[in-house]
Amino acid sequence: MTKVKSKIATLAAVSWCALSLLGCKEQGPLERAGEEIDEAADTIKNGKESTATKVDDAIDEAREGAKDAGKELKK
């Protein structure tokens, strides 16, 4: 690979990583539904709720609580 192609490939990789980190902050209803389906499938497959699913649920609840608290403070 030439130096120019190498630099272009590096720039493209860095740009891709940066854009993926700057994605939507809010999940849409279809994305949430997809996560719920994935979690349900994992629960059925494993016979119990996984630790990762429990952590995700706790994070979602904390996020919703923070949003609610922010709305209350704005009032």
N, C-alpha and C. Protein backbone atom coordinates (compact mmCIF):
# COMPACT_ATOMS: atom_id res chain seq x y z
N MET A 1 0.84 -1.17 0.00
CA MET A 1 0.00 0.00 0.00
C MET A 1 0.89 1.24 0.00
N THR A 2 0.52 2.20 -0.78
CA THR A 2 1.31 3.41 -0.79
C THR A 2 0.99 4.25 0.44
N LYS A 3 1.81 5.25 0.68
CA LYS A 3 1.60 6.10 1.85
C LYS A 3 0.27 6.83 1.78
N VAL A 4 -0.12 7.27 0.59
CA VAL A 4 -1.38 7.99 0.44
C VAL A 4 -2.56 7.07 0.74
N LYS A 5 -2.53 5.87 0.20
CA LYS A 5 -3.62 4.92 0.45
C LYS A 5 -3.67 4.55 1.93
N SER A 6 -2.52 4.41 2.56
CA SER A 6 -2.47 4.09 3.97
C SER A 6 -3.08 5.23 4.80
N LYS A 7 -2.76 6.46 4.45
CA LYS A 7 -3.30 7.61 5.17
C LYS A 7 -4.81 7.72 4.96
N ILE A 8 -5.26 7.45 3.75
CA ILE A 8 -6.71 7.49 3.46
C ILE A 8 -7.43 6.41 4.25
N ALA A 9 -6.86 5.22 4.30
CA ALA A 9 -7.48 4.13 5.05
C ALA A 9 -7.53 4.46 6.55
N THR A 10 -6.47 5.04 7.07
CA THR A 10 -6.44 5.43 8.48
C THR A 10 -7.48 6.51 8.76
N LEU A 11 -7.55 7.51 7.90
CA LEU A 11 -8.52 8.58 8.05
C LEU A 11 -9.95 8.04 7.99
N ALA A 12 -10.20 7.12 7.08
CA ALA A 12 -11.53 6.53 6.97
C ALA A 12 -11.89 5.74 8.23
N ALA A 13 -10.94 4.99 8.77
CA ALA A 13 -11.20 4.22 9.99
C ALA A 13 -11.47 5.14 11.18
N VAL A 14 -10.68 6.18 11.32
CA VAL A 14 -10.88 7.12 12.42
C VAL A 14 -12.22 7.84 12.27
N SER A 15 -12.56 8.23 11.06
CA SER A 15 -13.84 8.90 10.81
C SER A 15 -15.01 7.99 11.14
N TRP A 16 -14.91 6.73 10.73
CA TRP A 16 -15.97 5.77 11.01
C TRP A 16 -16.18 5.61 12.51
N CYS A 17 -15.09 5.51 13.27
CA CYS A 17 -15.19 5.37 14.72
C CYS A 17 -15.81 6.61 15.35
N ALA A 18 -15.39 7.78 14.90
CA ALA A 18 -15.94 9.02 15.45
C ALA A 18 -17.43 9.14 15.15
N LEU A 19 -17.84 8.81 13.95
CA LEU A 19 -19.26 8.90 13.59
C LEU A 19 -20.10 7.89 14.37
N SER A 20 -19.55 6.72 14.62
CA SER A 20 -20.32 5.73 15.37
C SER A 20 -20.52 6.18 16.82
N LEU A 21 -19.57 6.91 17.37
CA LEU A 21 -19.71 7.41 18.74
C LEU A 21 -20.67 8.60 18.82
N LEU A 22 -20.85 9.30 17.72
CA LEU A 22 -21.72 10.46 17.71
C LEU A 22 -23.12 10.15 17.24
N GLY A 23 -23.49 8.89 17.24
CA GLY A 23 -24.82 8.47 16.78
C GLY A 23 -25.92 9.04 17.64
N CYS A 24 -27.12 8.66 17.35
CA CYS A 24 -28.29 9.17 18.06
C CYS A 24 -28.20 8.87 19.55
N LYS A 25 -28.55 9.86 20.35
CA LYS A 25 -28.58 9.67 21.79
C LYS A 25 -29.87 8.98 22.20
N GLU A 26 -30.93 9.27 21.51
CA GLU A 26 -32.24 8.71 21.83
C GLU A 26 -32.49 7.46 20.99
N GLN A 27 -33.04 6.45 21.62
CA GLN A 27 -33.42 5.25 20.89
C GLN A 27 -34.84 5.43 20.38
N GLY A 28 -35.07 5.00 19.18
CA GLY A 28 -36.41 5.03 18.63
C GLY A 28 -37.20 3.83 19.11
N PRO A 29 -38.49 3.85 18.86
CA PRO A 29 -39.34 2.74 19.33
C PRO A 29 -38.97 1.40 18.70
N LEU A 30 -38.54 1.40 17.45
CA LEU A 30 -38.16 0.14 16.82
C LEU A 30 -36.88 -0.42 17.41
N GLU A 31 -35.95 0.45 17.75
CA GLU A 31 -34.70 -0.01 18.35
C GLU A 31 -34.96 -0.58 19.74
N ARG A 32 -35.82 0.08 20.51
CA ARG A 32 -36.17 -0.45 21.84
C ARG A 32 -36.88 -1.79 21.72
N ALA A 33 -37.79 -1.90 20.75
CA ALA A 33 -38.50 -3.17 20.54
C ALA A 33 -37.52 -4.27 20.15
N GLY A 34 -36.57 -3.94 19.31
CA GLY A 34 -35.55 -4.92 18.92
C GLY A 34 -34.74 -5.40 20.11
N GLU A 35 -34.38 -4.47 20.99
CA GLU A 35 -33.64 -4.86 22.19
C GLU A 35 -34.48 -5.77 23.08
N GLU A 36 -35.76 -5.45 23.21
CA GLU A 36 -36.64 -6.28 24.02
C GLU A 36 -36.74 -7.70 23.45
N ILE A 37 -36.83 -7.79 22.14
CA ILE A 37 -36.90 -9.11 21.49
C ILE A 37 -35.60 -9.88 21.72
N ASP A 38 -34.47 -9.21 21.58
CA ASP A 38 -33.17 -9.85 21.83
C ASP A 38 -33.07 -10.35 23.27
N GLU A 39 -33.50 -9.52 24.20
CA GLU A 39 -33.45 -9.91 25.61
C GLU A 39 -34.36 -11.11 25.87
N ALA A 40 -35.54 -11.08 25.29
CA ALA A 40 -36.48 -12.20 25.47
C ALA A 40 -35.90 -13.49 24.90
N ALA A 41 -35.28 -13.39 23.74
CA ALA A 41 -34.68 -14.58 23.12
C ALA A 41 -33.55 -15.12 23.98
N ASP A 42 -32.72 -14.22 24.54
CA ASP A 42 -31.64 -14.66 25.42
C ASP A 42 -32.18 -15.33 26.67
N THR A 43 -33.27 -14.77 27.22
CA THR A 43 -33.87 -15.34 28.42
C THR A 43 -34.41 -16.73 28.14
N ILE A 44 -35.08 -16.90 27.01
CA ILE A 44 -35.61 -18.21 26.63
C ILE A 44 -34.47 -19.20 26.40
N LYS A 45 -33.43 -18.75 25.72
CA LYS A 45 -32.30 -19.62 25.40
C LYS A 45 -31.57 -20.08 26.66
N ASN A 46 -31.36 -19.17 27.60
CA ASN A 46 -30.59 -19.48 28.80
C ASN A 46 -31.45 -20.00 29.95
N GLY A 47 -32.75 -19.83 29.85
CA GLY A 47 -33.63 -20.28 30.92
C GLY A 47 -33.73 -19.30 32.06
N LYS A 48 -32.95 -18.24 32.03
CA LYS A 48 -33.02 -17.20 33.05
C LYS A 48 -32.50 -15.90 32.44
N GLU A 49 -32.79 -14.81 33.12
CA GLU A 49 -32.35 -13.51 32.63
C GLU A 49 -30.85 -13.37 32.87
N SER A 50 -30.13 -12.95 31.85
CA SER A 50 -28.68 -12.82 31.98
C SER A 50 -28.31 -11.57 32.79
N THR A 51 -27.10 -11.58 33.29
CA THR A 51 -26.60 -10.43 34.05
C THR A 51 -26.54 -9.20 33.15
N ALA A 52 -26.15 -9.37 31.91
CA ALA A 52 -26.08 -8.24 30.98
C ALA A 52 -27.45 -7.62 30.78
N THR A 53 -28.48 -8.45 30.70
CA THR A 53 -29.84 -7.96 30.54
C THR A 53 -30.27 -7.19 31.77
N LYS A 54 -29.94 -7.70 32.94
CA LYS A 54 -30.28 -7.01 34.19
C LYS A 54 -29.58 -5.65 34.26
N VAL A 55 -28.32 -5.61 33.86
CA VAL A 55 -27.57 -4.34 33.87
C VAL A 55 -28.19 -3.37 32.87
N ASP A 56 -28.51 -3.85 31.68
CA ASP A 56 -29.15 -2.99 30.68
C ASP A 56 -30.47 -2.43 31.19
N ASP A 57 -31.26 -3.27 31.85
CA ASP A 57 -32.53 -2.82 32.39
C ASP A 57 -32.33 -1.75 33.47
N ALA A 58 -31.33 -1.95 34.32
CA ALA A 58 -31.05 -0.98 35.38
C ALA A 58 -30.59 0.35 34.79
N ILE A 59 -29.78 0.29 33.74
CA ILE A 59 -29.32 1.51 33.09
C ILE A 59 -30.49 2.24 32.45
N ASP A 60 -31.37 1.50 31.79
CA ASP A 60 -32.55 2.11 31.17
C ASP A 60 -33.43 2.78 32.21
N GLU A 61 -33.63 2.11 33.35
CA GLU A 61 -34.45 2.69 34.41
C GLU A 61 -33.81 3.95 34.98
N ALA A 62 -32.48 3.93 35.15
CA ALA A 62 -31.78 5.11 35.66
C ALA A 62 -31.88 6.26 34.66
N ARG A 63 -31.76 5.95 33.37
CA ARG A 63 -31.86 6.97 32.34
C ARG A 63 -33.25 7.61 32.35
N GLU A 64 -34.28 6.78 32.45
CA GLU A 64 -35.65 7.29 32.49
C GLU A 64 -35.88 8.13 33.75
N GLY A 65 -35.33 7.68 34.86
CA GLY A 65 -35.45 8.45 36.10
C GLY A 65 -34.78 9.80 36.01
N ALA A 66 -33.62 9.83 35.37
CA ALA A 66 -32.91 11.10 35.19
C ALA A 66 -33.70 12.04 34.28
N LYS A 67 -34.31 11.49 33.24
CA LYS A 67 -35.13 12.32 32.34
C LYS A 67 -36.32 12.89 33.08
N ASP A 68 -36.97 12.05 33.89
CA ASP A 68 -38.13 12.51 34.66
C ASP A 68 -37.72 13.60 35.65
N ALA A 69 -36.59 13.41 36.31
CA ALA A 69 -36.10 14.41 37.26
C ALA A 69 -35.79 15.72 36.56
N GLY A 70 -35.19 15.64 35.38
CA GLY A 70 -34.90 16.84 34.60
C GLY A 70 -36.16 17.58 34.22
N LYS A 71 -37.19 16.84 33.84
CA LYS A 71 -38.47 17.47 33.47
C LYS A 71 -39.09 18.16 34.68
N GLU A 72 -38.98 17.53 35.85
CA GLU A 72 -39.52 18.12 37.07
C GLU A 72 -38.78 19.40 37.44
N LEU A 73 -37.46 19.41 37.25
CA LEU A 73 -36.69 20.60 37.56
C LEU A 73 -37.01 21.77 36.64
N LYS A 74 -37.38 21.46 35.40
CA LYS A 74 -37.71 22.51 34.44
C LYS A 74 -39.02 23.20 34.79
N LYS A 75 -39.89 22.49 35.52
CA LYS A 75 -41.21 23.05 35.86
C LYS A 75 -41.13 24.15 36.86
